[in-house]
Protein backbone atom coordinates (compact mmCIF):
# COMPACT_ATOMS: atom_id res chain seq x y z
CA UNK A 1 96.94 149.37 68.72
CA UNK A 2 97.12 151.70 71.83
CA UNK A 3 96.99 155.42 71.38
CA UNK A 4 99.07 157.47 73.89
CA UNK A 5 97.62 160.98 72.69
CA UNK A 6 96.53 161.91 76.17
CA UNK A 7 100.20 161.84 77.38
CA UNK A 8 101.17 165.46 77.75
CA UNK A 9 103.88 165.65 80.41
CA UNK A 10 106.25 163.56 82.72
CA UNK A 11 103.45 163.01 85.27
CA UNK A 12 101.08 161.41 82.66
CA UNK A 13 103.92 159.23 81.34
CA UNK A 14 104.75 157.99 84.81
CA UNK A 15 100.90 157.10 85.54
CA UNK A 16 100.71 155.57 82.17
CA UNK A 17 103.87 153.52 82.79
CA UNK A 18 102.33 152.31 86.14
CA UNK A 19 99.07 151.52 84.64
CA UNK A 20 100.75 149.35 82.07
CA UNK A 21 102.67 147.50 84.81
CA UNK A 22 99.63 146.86 86.65
CA UNK A 23 97.92 145.63 83.59
CA UNK A 24 100.84 143.39 82.66
CA UNK A 25 100.97 141.94 86.12
CA UNK A 26 97.31 141.15 86.24
CA UNK A 27 97.52 139.50 82.73
CA UNK A 28 100.54 137.51 83.87
CA UNK A 29 98.84 136.11 87.06
CA UNK A 30 95.67 135.25 85.00
CA UNK A 31 97.81 133.37 82.42
CA UNK A 32 99.98 131.62 85.15
CA UNK A 33 96.55 130.42 86.84
CA UNK A 34 94.96 129.47 83.62
CA UNK A 35 98.01 127.44 82.62
CA UNK A 36 98.21 125.60 86.15
CA UNK A 37 94.53 124.63 85.80
CA UNK A 38 95.14 123.45 82.37
CA UNK A 39 98.23 121.32 83.26
CA UNK A 40 96.40 120.16 86.40
CA UNK A 41 93.83 118.52 84.32
CA UNK A 42 96.42 116.13 82.70
CA UNK A 43 98.34 115.12 85.85
CA UNK A 44 98.10 111.43 86.83
CA UNK A 45 96.00 112.05 89.96
CA UNK A 46 93.39 114.04 88.20
CA UNK A 47 93.36 111.38 85.36
CA UNK A 48 92.91 108.61 87.87
CA UNK A 49 90.11 110.51 89.50
CA UNK A 50 88.28 111.08 86.19
CA UNK A 51 88.68 107.80 84.52
CA UNK A 52 89.22 105.28 87.33
CA UNK A 53 85.97 105.36 88.95
CA UNK A 54 84.35 101.86 89.78
CA UNK A 55 81.40 102.57 87.26
CA UNK A 56 84.05 103.39 84.45
CA UNK A 57 86.10 100.37 85.35
CA UNK A 58 83.03 98.14 85.18
CA UNK A 59 82.01 99.51 81.89
CA UNK A 60 85.68 98.85 80.36
CA UNK A 61 85.59 95.40 82.01
CA UNK A 62 82.24 94.61 80.21
CA UNK A 63 83.67 95.46 76.83
CA UNK A 64 87.25 94.05 77.33
CA UNK A 65 87.13 91.68 80.13
CA UNK A 66 90.44 92.92 81.50
CA UNK A 67 89.88 91.28 84.86
CA UNK A 68 89.01 87.81 83.41
CA UNK A 69 92.22 88.00 81.15
CA UNK A 70 94.31 89.07 84.00
CA UNK A 71 92.80 86.32 86.27
CA UNK A 72 93.34 83.61 83.58
CA UNK A 73 96.96 84.46 83.77
CA UNK A 74 97.51 85.25 87.39
CA UNK A 75 95.33 82.31 88.92
CA UNK A 76 97.18 79.33 87.39
CA UNK A 77 100.69 80.85 88.41
CA UNK A 78 99.41 81.60 91.92
CA UNK A 79 97.87 78.04 92.43
CA UNK A 80 100.99 76.32 90.96
CA UNK A 81 103.41 78.24 93.32
CA UNK A 82 101.22 78.09 96.49
CA UNK A 83 98.88 75.10 96.72
CA UNK A 84 100.41 72.90 94.09
CA UNK A 85 104.20 73.60 94.43
CA UNK A 86 105.04 70.00 95.32
CA UNK A 87 102.88 68.39 92.46
CA UNK A 88 104.06 66.99 89.54
CA UNK A 89 104.07 68.21 85.87
CA UNK A 90 100.64 66.59 84.76
CA UNK A 91 98.96 68.04 87.99
CA UNK A 92 100.31 71.51 87.46
CA UNK A 93 99.22 71.47 83.99
CA UNK A 94 95.67 70.30 84.70
CA UNK A 95 95.56 72.99 87.35
CA UNK A 96 96.76 75.68 84.93
CA UNK A 97 94.05 74.55 82.32
CA UNK A 98 91.18 74.52 84.68
CA UNK A 99 92.12 77.62 86.55
CA UNK A 100 92.68 79.53 83.36
CA UNK A 101 89.20 78.62 82.25
CA UNK A 102 87.82 79.64 85.56
CA UNK A 103 89.86 82.83 85.38
CA UNK A 104 88.44 83.80 82.04
CA UNK A 105 84.72 83.58 83.53
CA UNK A 106 85.49 85.97 86.36
CA UNK A 107 84.78 89.53 85.90
CA UNK A 108 85.12 92.61 87.94
CA UNK A 109 81.73 91.97 89.87
CA UNK A 110 82.86 88.45 90.72
CA UNK A 111 86.11 89.48 91.91
CA UNK A 112 84.79 92.26 94.04
CA UNK A 113 82.28 89.86 95.50
CA UNK A 114 84.89 87.26 96.31
CA UNK A 115 87.19 89.93 97.92
CA UNK A 116 84.14 91.20 100.05
CA UNK A 117 83.41 87.58 101.15
CA UNK A 118 86.92 87.05 102.14
CA UNK A 119 87.24 90.36 103.87
CA UNK A 120 83.87 89.69 105.70
CA UNK A 121 85.21 86.21 106.88
CA UNK A 122 88.46 87.85 108.52
CA UNK A 123 86.70 90.70 110.02
CA UNK A 124 84.80 90.32 113.37
CA UNK A 125 81.18 90.81 113.42
CA UNK A 126 79.78 93.04 116.30
CA UNK A 127 77.14 90.58 117.91
CA UNK A 128 76.70 92.56 121.06
CA UNK A 129 74.13 95.20 120.55
CA UNK A 130 73.49 97.92 122.88
CA UNK A 131 70.17 97.25 124.69
CA UNK A 132 68.08 100.42 124.30
CA UNK A 133 65.26 101.41 126.53
CA UNK A 134 61.94 100.33 124.93
CA UNK A 135 59.26 102.48 125.59
CA UNK A 136 55.72 100.73 125.94
CA UNK A 137 53.82 103.98 126.26
CA UNK A 138 53.37 103.80 129.97
CA UNK A 139 54.53 107.12 131.59
CA UNK A 140 57.20 106.55 134.47
CA UNK A 141 55.14 108.34 137.12
CA UNK A 142 51.79 106.66 136.54
CA UNK A 143 50.00 104.49 139.14
CA UNK A 144 50.52 101.32 137.09
CA UNK A 145 54.25 101.61 137.10
């Protein structure tokens, strides 16, 4: 508990009142800032930054093989609707079985490698290189120049 024994007159009371208001305001601002920081830890963006890093995703994928499971479901549907859209029932069933098995064997590293190779196929490579001046060690104002 606080003791207010040193208040003797009205000026002391007014000074103590202002001091308590300042203290209250400082504590209020500190509490607001701390609560904002605490709540910010659990927003969707901060959780994604914390847990959705590539290294964490590869660790989770090694344990659960999420990408293989997803690819075993998505790949047959994709192939049957695009490449084999006019095929018969037996062809679609065979494609579904084969692509499902292939999809289970894919993990995150294989998928990222495939994505990078497809991306490299569509991006143009810069074959023109800037010709740089090659210095052979002969000074430009020598007599051999």
